[in-house]
Amino acid sequence: MHQAVVELTAPPRAGQGVGDALRQAYRPEMAEIPVEWRQLIRQLD
């Protein structure tokens, strides 16, 4: 969990926007995202 906080406060790195783009695309139905998608989004961040 601490690593996630560091990533949120750190300056953006190359390729970091992929997970953010996916998260925004699915934001309206965030509860409907399969667990596999959530894990993939976290890996892309």
N, C-alpha and C. Protein backbone atom coordinates (compact mmCIF):
# COMPACT_ATOMS: atom_id res chain seq x y z
N MET A 1 0.82 -1.20 0.00
CA MET A 1 0.00 0.00 0.00
C MET A 1 0.86 1.25 0.00
N HIS A 2 1.95 1.23 0.73
CA HIS A 2 2.81 2.41 0.79
C HIS A 2 3.35 2.75 -0.59
N GLN A 3 3.64 1.73 -1.39
CA GLN A 3 4.16 1.98 -2.74
C GLN A 3 3.13 2.74 -3.58
N ALA A 4 1.85 2.42 -3.43
CA ALA A 4 0.82 3.11 -4.20
C ALA A 4 0.80 4.59 -3.84
N VAL A 5 0.97 4.91 -2.57
CA VAL A 5 0.99 6.31 -2.15
C VAL A 5 2.17 7.02 -2.78
N VAL A 6 3.32 6.36 -2.81
CA VAL A 6 4.51 6.96 -3.42
C VAL A 6 4.26 7.23 -4.90
N GLU A 7 3.62 6.29 -5.59
CA GLU A 7 3.35 6.47 -7.02
C GLU A 7 2.41 7.64 -7.25
N LEU A 8 1.42 7.81 -6.37
CA LEU A 8 0.47 8.90 -6.55
C LEU A 8 1.11 10.26 -6.34
N THR A 9 2.10 10.34 -5.46
CA THR A 9 2.72 11.62 -5.15
C THR A 9 3.96 11.88 -6.00
N ALA A 10 4.45 10.86 -6.69
CA ALA A 10 5.65 11.02 -7.51
C ALA A 10 5.29 11.66 -8.85
N PRO A 11 6.24 12.32 -9.48
CA PRO A 11 5.98 12.87 -10.82
C PRO A 11 5.67 11.75 -11.81
N PRO A 12 4.86 12.03 -12.82
CA PRO A 12 4.52 10.98 -13.80
C PRO A 12 5.75 10.43 -14.51
N ARG A 13 5.75 9.12 -14.72
CA ARG A 13 6.83 8.48 -15.47
C ARG A 13 6.30 8.12 -16.86
N ALA A 14 7.21 7.79 -17.74
CA ALA A 14 6.81 7.40 -19.10
C ALA A 14 5.91 6.16 -19.03
N GLY A 15 4.79 6.20 -19.72
CA GLY A 15 3.88 5.06 -19.76
C GLY A 15 2.95 4.96 -18.58
N GLN A 16 3.03 5.90 -17.65
CA GLN A 16 2.19 5.81 -16.45
C GLN A 16 0.73 6.14 -16.76
N GLY A 17 0.49 6.88 -17.84
CA GLY A 17 -0.86 7.32 -18.15
C GLY A 17 -1.79 6.23 -18.66
N VAL A 18 -1.25 5.05 -18.98
CA VAL A 18 -2.09 3.99 -19.54
C VAL A 18 -3.12 3.53 -18.52
N GLY A 19 -2.68 3.25 -17.31
CA GLY A 19 -3.62 2.83 -16.26
C GLY A 19 -4.63 3.92 -15.95
N ASP A 20 -4.18 5.17 -15.93
CA ASP A 20 -5.09 6.28 -15.66
C ASP A 20 -6.16 6.38 -16.74
N ALA A 21 -5.76 6.20 -18.00
CA ALA A 21 -6.72 6.27 -19.10
C ALA A 21 -7.77 5.17 -18.99
N LEU A 22 -7.32 3.96 -18.67
CA LEU A 22 -8.26 2.85 -18.49
C LEU A 22 -9.18 3.11 -17.31
N ARG A 23 -8.63 3.66 -16.23
CA ARG A 23 -9.43 3.91 -15.03
C ARG A 23 -10.50 4.96 -15.34
N GLN A 24 -10.16 6.00 -16.08
CA GLN A 24 -11.14 7.03 -16.43
C GLN A 24 -12.22 6.47 -17.35
N ALA A 25 -11.82 5.59 -18.26
CA ALA A 25 -12.79 5.01 -19.19
C ALA A 25 -13.82 4.16 -18.44
N TYR A 26 -13.41 3.54 -17.34
CA TYR A 26 -14.30 2.66 -16.59
C TYR A 26 -14.86 3.31 -15.34
N ARG A 27 -14.53 4.57 -15.08
CA ARG A 27 -14.92 5.21 -13.83
C ARG A 27 -16.43 5.15 -13.55
N PRO A 28 -17.32 5.40 -14.53
CA PRO A 28 -18.76 5.41 -14.21
C PRO A 28 -19.25 4.09 -13.62
N GLU A 29 -18.68 2.99 -14.08
CA GLU A 29 -19.09 1.69 -13.52
C GLU A 29 -17.90 1.01 -12.86
N MET A 30 -17.21 1.76 -12.01
CA MET A 30 -15.99 1.27 -11.35
C MET A 30 -16.24 -0.05 -10.62
N ALA A 31 -17.41 -0.21 -10.04
CA ALA A 31 -17.70 -1.44 -9.29
C ALA A 31 -17.83 -2.64 -10.23
N GLU A 32 -18.01 -2.40 -11.51
CA GLU A 32 -18.23 -3.49 -12.47
C GLU A 32 -16.92 -4.01 -13.07
N ILE A 33 -15.80 -3.36 -12.77
CA ILE A 33 -14.53 -3.80 -13.35
C ILE A 33 -14.14 -5.15 -12.76
N PRO A 34 -13.86 -6.14 -13.61
CA PRO A 34 -13.40 -7.44 -13.10
C PRO A 34 -12.09 -7.29 -12.34
N VAL A 35 -11.85 -8.19 -11.40
CA VAL A 35 -10.62 -8.14 -10.60
C VAL A 35 -9.40 -8.19 -11.51
N GLU A 36 -9.46 -8.99 -12.57
CA GLU A 36 -8.32 -9.10 -13.48
C GLU A 36 -8.00 -7.75 -14.11
N TRP A 37 -9.03 -6.99 -14.47
CA TRP A 37 -8.79 -5.66 -15.06
C TRP A 37 -8.15 -4.73 -14.04
N ARG A 38 -8.64 -4.79 -12.80
CA ARG A 38 -8.04 -3.93 -11.76
C ARG A 38 -6.57 -4.24 -11.58
N GLN A 39 -6.22 -5.52 -11.56
CA GLN A 39 -4.81 -5.91 -11.40
C GLN A 39 -4.00 -5.43 -12.60
N LEU A 40 -4.54 -5.56 -13.81
CA LEU A 40 -3.84 -5.11 -15.00
C LEU A 40 -3.61 -3.60 -14.97
N ILE A 41 -4.64 -2.86 -14.57
CA ILE A 41 -4.52 -1.40 -14.48
C ILE A 41 -3.43 -1.02 -13.49
N ARG A 42 -3.39 -1.71 -12.34
CA ARG A 42 -2.35 -1.40 -11.35
C ARG A 42 -0.96 -1.70 -11.90
N GLN A 43 -0.83 -2.78 -12.66
CA GLN A 43 0.48 -3.13 -13.23
C GLN A 43 0.91 -2.09 -14.25
N LEU A 44 -0.04 -1.53 -15.00
CA LEU A 44 0.29 -0.54 -16.02
C LEU A 44 0.69 0.80 -15.41
N ASP A 45 0.23 1.07 -14.20
CA ASP A 45 0.54 2.36 -13.56
C ASP A 45 2.01 2.51 -13.26
